[in-house]
Every structure is written in structure tokens, then in C-alpha cells.
Amino acid sequence: MAKTTLYGIKNCDTIKKARKWLEANEINFDFHDYRKDGIDIDMLSKFEAQLGWENLLNKRGTTFRKLEDHQKADLDCEKALALLLEYPAMVKRPVLICDEQYHLGFKADQYQAFFKR
């Protein structure tokens, strides 16, 4: 059986929708809460290698918008990962990993296709 892990923050509405979809489709998964279970540079580096830092960094969220201008200026991979490590709420959610395959975000039709592969 495939090992599936959902990464995010428990109170996030998108995480709640993803969890509900996984449960309704009887897909066993582990949930990793960045706030409770932590986040480290190794995890972020693996995410970045598969998804790209530009996709991983949620620029539309409140946390990013509240950053100082100098923190947002001249972003590159190293600077973005440092920000994500400091502010896990800026990691776009959810990150889903199943059998070493990565998926970012949640839309029911995308999850349907992802699990049919």
C-alpha cells in the first residue's frame, strides 16, 4: 500500500478540504502539521527540488504580505527557503506526497487524477 503524507497547518481551510477528500475516498494518510510536528531545511529542500521554490512560496497569503519590503526584495531559492523555514505559514498548502510523487495545492479533480495514476 502506498504511503501518503499530507503536509500543512491543521486550521487551514484548504487542508480541511484535502483531509475531507482523502477520508471520503478512503485513502489512508499521515498528516504532518508544520506547527506541531515542525519543519526543517531538509524537508523544504526536498519540497523545493520537486515543486520549485516559486511554487512553494505563497505570495498571496497574509504572512507574505506582512513582510518588510527588504525581505521580499530579490527573492531567490536560498532566501525563499530561509523565509519558509522562519514562517511555515508561507508554504503553499497542502503539499501531498504519495509514492515519492508530489502534488501542491488542493482541487478535488486534481486529487482524483493524482490517485488514478
N, C-alpha and C. Protein backbone atom coordinates (compact mmCIF):
# COMPACT_ATOMS: atom_id res chain seq x y z
N MET A 1 0.83 -1.19 0.00
CA MET A 1 0.00 0.00 0.00
C MET A 1 0.87 1.25 0.00
N ALA A 2 0.47 2.24 -0.75
CA ALA A 2 1.22 3.47 -0.90
C ALA A 2 1.20 4.28 0.40
N LYS A 3 2.36 4.84 0.73
CA LYS A 3 2.43 5.74 1.88
C LYS A 3 2.10 7.14 1.39
N THR A 4 1.10 7.75 2.02
CA THR A 4 0.66 9.08 1.64
C THR A 4 0.78 10.00 2.85
N THR A 5 1.39 11.15 2.63
CA THR A 5 1.52 12.14 3.69
C THR A 5 1.04 13.49 3.19
N LEU A 6 0.23 14.13 4.00
CA LEU A 6 -0.29 15.45 3.72
C LEU A 6 0.40 16.41 4.68
N TYR A 7 0.99 17.47 4.12
CA TYR A 7 1.72 18.46 4.92
C TYR A 7 0.98 19.78 4.91
N GLY A 8 0.89 20.41 6.08
CA GLY A 8 0.25 21.71 6.14
C GLY A 8 0.05 22.17 7.56
N ILE A 9 -0.99 22.98 7.73
CA ILE A 9 -1.34 23.54 9.03
C ILE A 9 -2.79 23.16 9.32
N LYS A 10 -3.01 22.57 10.47
CA LYS A 10 -4.30 21.96 10.82
C LYS A 10 -5.50 22.87 10.60
N ASN A 11 -5.39 24.14 10.95
CA ASN A 11 -6.55 25.03 10.89
C ASN A 11 -6.80 25.64 9.52
N CYS A 12 -5.95 25.35 8.55
CA CYS A 12 -6.09 25.90 7.20
C CYS A 12 -7.33 25.30 6.52
N ASP A 13 -8.16 26.16 5.92
CA ASP A 13 -9.37 25.68 5.25
C ASP A 13 -9.06 24.73 4.11
N THR A 14 -8.01 25.00 3.35
CA THR A 14 -7.65 24.12 2.24
C THR A 14 -7.20 22.75 2.75
N ILE A 15 -6.49 22.74 3.84
CA ILE A 15 -6.08 21.47 4.47
C ILE A 15 -7.32 20.69 4.90
N LYS A 16 -8.27 21.37 5.48
CA LYS A 16 -9.50 20.70 5.92
C LYS A 16 -10.21 20.06 4.73
N LYS A 17 -10.27 20.77 3.60
CA LYS A 17 -10.91 20.22 2.40
C LYS A 17 -10.14 19.01 1.87
N ALA A 18 -8.81 19.11 1.86
CA ALA A 18 -7.99 18.00 1.37
C ALA A 18 -8.15 16.77 2.27
N ARG A 19 -8.12 16.98 3.57
CA ARG A 19 -8.29 15.86 4.51
C ARG A 19 -9.65 15.20 4.33
N LYS A 20 -10.68 16.02 4.18
CA LYS A 20 -12.04 15.50 3.99
C LYS A 20 -12.11 14.68 2.70
N TRP A 21 -11.48 15.17 1.63
CA TRP A 21 -11.49 14.45 0.36
C TRP A 21 -10.77 13.11 0.50
N LEU A 22 -9.60 13.11 1.13
CA LEU A 22 -8.84 11.87 1.31
C LEU A 22 -9.64 10.85 2.13
N GLU A 23 -10.26 11.32 3.20
CA GLU A 23 -11.07 10.43 4.04
C GLU A 23 -12.28 9.89 3.28
N ALA A 24 -12.96 10.75 2.53
CA ALA A 24 -14.14 10.32 1.76
C ALA A 24 -13.78 9.30 0.69
N ASN A 25 -12.55 9.38 0.18
CA ASN A 25 -12.09 8.45 -0.85
C ASN A 25 -11.29 7.29 -0.27
N GLU A 26 -11.37 7.15 1.06
CA GLU A 26 -10.76 6.04 1.79
C GLU A 26 -9.28 5.88 1.47
N ILE A 27 -8.57 7.00 1.45
CA ILE A 27 -7.13 6.99 1.24
C ILE A 27 -6.48 7.23 2.59
N ASN A 28 -5.74 6.22 3.05
CA ASN A 28 -5.03 6.35 4.32
C ASN A 28 -3.88 7.32 4.15
N PHE A 29 -3.73 8.21 5.11
CA PHE A 29 -2.66 9.20 5.03
C PHE A 29 -2.21 9.60 6.42
N ASP A 30 -0.98 10.06 6.49
CA ASP A 30 -0.46 10.69 7.70
C ASP A 30 -0.56 12.19 7.48
N PHE A 31 -0.78 12.92 8.55
CA PHE A 31 -0.83 14.37 8.46
C PHE A 31 0.34 14.95 9.24
N HIS A 32 1.10 15.80 8.58
CA HIS A 32 2.24 16.46 9.22
C HIS A 32 1.89 17.94 9.35
N ASP A 33 1.70 18.38 10.57
CA ASP A 33 1.37 19.78 10.86
C ASP A 33 2.68 20.53 11.12
N TYR A 34 2.95 21.52 10.27
CA TYR A 34 4.19 22.28 10.42
C TYR A 34 4.34 22.89 11.80
N ARG A 35 3.25 23.33 12.37
CA ARG A 35 3.33 23.99 13.69
C ARG A 35 3.55 22.98 14.81
N LYS A 36 2.91 21.84 14.72
CA LYS A 36 3.02 20.83 15.79
C LYS A 36 4.23 19.92 15.58
N ASP A 37 4.41 19.45 14.33
CA ASP A 37 5.45 18.46 14.04
C ASP A 37 6.75 19.07 13.55
N GLY A 38 6.72 20.36 13.24
CA GLY A 38 7.93 21.06 12.83
C GLY A 38 8.18 21.04 11.33
N ILE A 39 9.14 21.83 10.95
CA ILE A 39 9.59 21.94 9.57
C ILE A 39 11.08 22.23 9.62
N ASP A 40 11.83 21.66 8.71
CA ASP A 40 13.27 21.91 8.71
C ASP A 40 13.77 22.11 7.28
N ILE A 41 15.01 22.50 7.16
CA ILE A 41 15.57 22.83 5.86
C ILE A 41 15.66 21.60 4.95
N ASP A 42 15.86 20.42 5.51
CA ASP A 42 15.90 19.21 4.69
C ASP A 42 14.54 18.96 4.03
N MET A 43 13.47 19.10 4.81
CA MET A 43 12.13 18.92 4.28
C MET A 43 11.85 19.95 3.19
N LEU A 44 12.15 21.21 3.48
CA LEU A 44 11.91 22.27 2.50
C LEU A 44 12.73 22.07 1.23
N SER A 45 13.96 21.60 1.39
CA SER A 45 14.81 21.36 0.22
C SER A 45 14.24 20.25 -0.67
N LYS A 46 13.70 19.21 -0.06
CA LYS A 46 13.06 18.14 -0.84
C LYS A 46 11.82 18.67 -1.57
N PHE A 47 11.02 19.45 -0.85
CA PHE A 47 9.84 20.05 -1.48
C PHE A 47 10.26 20.91 -2.66
N GLU A 48 11.28 21.74 -2.44
CA GLU A 48 11.74 22.67 -3.47
C GLU A 48 12.26 21.93 -4.69
N ALA A 49 12.98 20.84 -4.47
CA ALA A 49 13.54 20.07 -5.59
C ALA A 49 12.44 19.51 -6.48
N GLN A 50 11.30 19.17 -5.89
CA GLN A 50 10.20 18.58 -6.65
C GLN A 50 9.21 19.62 -7.19
N LEU A 51 9.02 20.69 -6.44
CA LEU A 51 7.95 21.63 -6.76
C LEU A 51 8.42 23.02 -7.19
N GLY A 52 9.67 23.35 -6.86
CA GLY A 52 10.21 24.67 -7.18
C GLY A 52 9.86 25.68 -6.09
N TRP A 53 10.83 26.51 -5.74
CA TRP A 53 10.59 27.46 -4.65
C TRP A 53 9.54 28.50 -5.03
N GLU A 54 9.45 28.84 -6.31
CA GLU A 54 8.48 29.84 -6.74
C GLU A 54 7.04 29.35 -6.50
N ASN A 55 6.82 28.05 -6.67
CA ASN A 55 5.50 27.47 -6.43
C ASN A 55 5.24 27.26 -4.94
N LEU A 56 6.28 26.94 -4.20
CA LEU A 56 6.16 26.62 -2.79
C LEU A 56 5.85 27.86 -1.93
N LEU A 57 6.35 29.00 -2.35
CA LEU A 57 6.19 30.24 -1.59
C LEU A 57 4.84 30.88 -1.91
N ASN A 58 3.99 30.95 -0.91
CA ASN A 58 2.66 31.53 -1.08
C ASN A 58 2.74 33.05 -0.93
N LYS A 59 2.79 33.74 -2.05
CA LYS A 59 2.90 35.20 -2.03
C LYS A 59 1.55 35.89 -1.83
N ARG A 60 0.47 35.14 -1.90
CA ARG A 60 -0.86 35.73 -1.76
C ARG A 60 -1.36 35.73 -0.32
N GLY A 61 -0.66 35.04 0.55
CA GLY A 61 -1.11 34.93 1.93
C GLY A 61 -0.77 36.14 2.78
N THR A 62 -1.44 36.23 3.91
CA THR A 62 -1.25 37.34 4.84
C THR A 62 0.19 37.42 5.35
N THR A 63 0.79 36.29 5.65
CA THR A 63 2.14 36.29 6.21
C THR A 63 3.12 36.94 5.24
N PHE A 64 3.05 36.58 3.97
CA PHE A 64 3.97 37.17 2.98
C PHE A 64 3.70 38.66 2.84
N ARG A 65 2.46 39.05 2.78
CA ARG A 65 2.13 40.46 2.59
C ARG A 65 2.59 41.32 3.75
N LYS A 66 2.70 40.74 4.94
CA LYS A 66 3.12 41.48 6.12
C LYS A 66 4.65 41.61 6.25
N LEU A 67 5.39 40.91 5.40
CA LEU A 67 6.85 41.01 5.45
C LEU A 67 7.29 42.42 5.09
N GLU A 68 8.46 42.79 5.57
CA GLU A 68 9.08 44.06 5.20
C GLU A 68 9.48 43.98 3.73
N ASP A 69 9.52 45.12 3.07
CA ASP A 69 9.88 45.16 1.65
C ASP A 69 11.25 44.54 1.38
N HIS A 70 12.21 44.79 2.27
CA HIS A 70 13.55 44.24 2.07
C HIS A 70 13.56 42.71 2.14
N GLN A 71 12.61 42.12 2.89
CA GLN A 71 12.52 40.66 2.97
C GLN A 71 11.98 40.07 1.67
N LYS A 72 11.12 40.83 1.00
CA LYS A 72 10.51 40.37 -0.25
C LYS A 72 11.36 40.67 -1.48
N ALA A 73 12.32 41.56 -1.32
CA ALA A 73 13.13 42.00 -2.47
C ALA A 73 14.15 40.94 -2.87
N ASP A 74 14.40 40.85 -4.16
CA ASP A 74 15.46 39.99 -4.71
C ASP A 74 15.36 38.54 -4.22
N LEU A 75 14.16 38.00 -4.23
CA LEU A 75 13.99 36.62 -3.78
C LEU A 75 14.70 35.64 -4.72
N ASP A 76 15.36 34.68 -4.12
CA ASP A 76 15.94 33.55 -4.84
C ASP A 76 15.65 32.32 -3.99
N CYS A 77 16.11 31.18 -4.44
CA CYS A 77 15.81 29.93 -3.74
C CYS A 77 16.29 29.96 -2.29
N GLU A 78 17.52 30.36 -2.08
CA GLU A 78 18.08 30.36 -0.73
C GLU A 78 17.31 31.29 0.21
N LYS A 79 17.01 32.48 -0.27
CA LYS A 79 16.28 33.45 0.55
C LYS A 79 14.85 32.97 0.80
N ALA A 80 14.22 32.41 -0.22
CA ALA A 80 12.85 31.92 -0.07
C ALA A 80 12.78 30.78 0.95
N LEU A 81 13.72 29.83 0.87
CA LEU A 81 13.71 28.71 1.81
C LEU A 81 13.94 29.21 3.24
N ALA A 82 14.80 30.20 3.41
CA ALA A 82 15.04 30.77 4.75
C ALA A 82 13.75 31.40 5.29
N LEU A 83 13.01 32.10 4.43
CA LEU A 83 11.74 32.69 4.85
C LEU A 83 10.72 31.61 5.21
N LEU A 84 10.66 30.56 4.39
CA LEU A 84 9.71 29.46 4.65
C LEU A 84 10.05 28.75 5.95
N LEU A 85 11.31 28.62 6.24
CA LEU A 85 11.73 28.00 7.49
C LEU A 85 11.31 28.85 8.69
N GLU A 86 11.46 30.16 8.54
CA GLU A 86 11.10 31.08 9.62
C GLU A 86 9.59 31.25 9.75
N TYR A 87 8.89 31.22 8.60
CA TYR A 87 7.45 31.45 8.57
C TYR A 87 6.75 30.30 7.82
N PRO A 88 6.56 29.15 8.47
CA PRO A 88 5.96 27.99 7.80
C PRO A 88 4.58 28.26 7.22
N ALA A 89 3.88 29.27 7.71
CA ALA A 89 2.55 29.59 7.18
C ALA A 89 2.64 30.07 5.72
N MET A 90 3.84 30.42 5.27
CA MET A 90 4.00 30.87 3.88
C MET A 90 4.19 29.72 2.90
N VAL A 91 4.31 28.50 3.40
CA VAL A 91 4.41 27.36 2.49
C VAL A 91 3.02 27.13 1.91
N LYS A 92 2.94 27.15 0.58
CA LYS A 92 1.64 26.90 -0.07
C LYS A 92 1.14 25.53 0.38
N ARG A 93 -0.15 25.46 0.62
CA ARG A 93 -0.72 24.24 1.19
C ARG A 93 -1.85 23.70 0.32
N PRO A 94 -2.00 22.39 0.47
CA PRO A 94 -1.12 21.41 1.10
C PRO A 94 -0.06 20.90 0.14
N VAL A 95 0.98 20.32 0.73
CA VAL A 95 1.93 19.50 -0.03
C VAL A 95 1.50 18.07 0.24
N LEU A 96 1.30 17.31 -0.82
CA LEU A 96 0.88 15.92 -0.72
C LEU A 96 1.96 15.06 -1.36
N ILE A 97 2.38 14.03 -0.66
CA ILE A 97 3.37 13.11 -1.21
C ILE A 97 2.80 11.70 -1.12
N CYS A 98 2.83 11.01 -2.26
CA CYS A 98 2.38 9.62 -2.32
C CYS A 98 3.33 8.88 -3.25
N ASP A 99 3.97 7.84 -2.75
CA ASP A 99 4.92 7.06 -3.55
C ASP A 99 5.96 7.95 -4.24
N GLU A 100 6.52 8.87 -3.48
CA GLU A 100 7.56 9.78 -3.98
C GLU A 100 7.06 10.74 -5.06
N GLN A 101 5.76 10.80 -5.29
CA GLN A 101 5.17 11.76 -6.22
C GLN A 101 4.62 12.92 -5.39
N TYR A 102 4.87 14.13 -5.86
CA TYR A 102 4.48 15.33 -5.14
C TYR A 102 3.33 16.05 -5.83
N HIS A 103 2.44 16.63 -5.01
CA HIS A 103 1.36 17.46 -5.54
C HIS A 103 1.22 18.66 -4.61
N LEU A 104 1.01 19.83 -5.20
CA LEU A 104 0.90 21.06 -4.41
C LEU A 104 -0.49 21.66 -4.60
N GLY A 105 -1.12 22.04 -3.49
CA GLY A 105 -2.44 22.64 -3.54
C GLY A 105 -3.52 21.57 -3.46
N PHE A 106 -4.76 22.03 -3.46
CA PHE A 106 -5.87 21.08 -3.45
C PHE A 106 -6.99 21.54 -4.38
N LYS A 107 -7.35 20.64 -5.26
CA LYS A 107 -8.57 20.72 -6.05
C LYS A 107 -9.01 19.28 -6.21
N ALA A 108 -10.27 19.02 -5.97
CA ALA A 108 -10.78 17.65 -5.97
C ALA A 108 -10.46 16.92 -7.28
N ASP A 109 -10.64 17.57 -8.41
CA ASP A 109 -10.38 16.89 -9.68
C ASP A 109 -8.90 16.58 -9.86
N GLN A 110 -8.02 17.44 -9.34
CA GLN A 110 -6.59 17.14 -9.42
C GLN A 110 -6.22 15.97 -8.53
N TYR A 111 -6.80 15.90 -7.34
CA TYR A 111 -6.54 14.76 -6.46
C TYR A 111 -7.05 13.48 -7.10
N GLN A 112 -8.23 13.54 -7.73
CA GLN A 112 -8.79 12.38 -8.40
C GLN A 112 -7.81 11.85 -9.44
N ALA A 113 -7.28 12.74 -10.27
CA ALA A 113 -6.32 12.36 -11.30
C ALA A 113 -5.01 11.87 -10.69
N PHE A 114 -4.57 12.52 -9.63
CA PHE A 114 -3.32 12.15 -8.98
C PHE A 114 -3.37 10.71 -8.45
N PHE A 115 -4.49 10.33 -7.86
CA PHE A 115 -4.59 9.00 -7.28
C PHE A 115 -4.99 7.93 -8.29
N LYS A 116 -5.35 8.31 -9.49
CA LYS A 116 -5.66 7.32 -10.53
C LYS A 116 -4.44 6.90 -11.31
N ARG A 117 -3.35 7.61 -11.15
CA ARG A 117 -2.14 7.33 -11.96
C ARG A 117 -1.63 5.93 -11.75
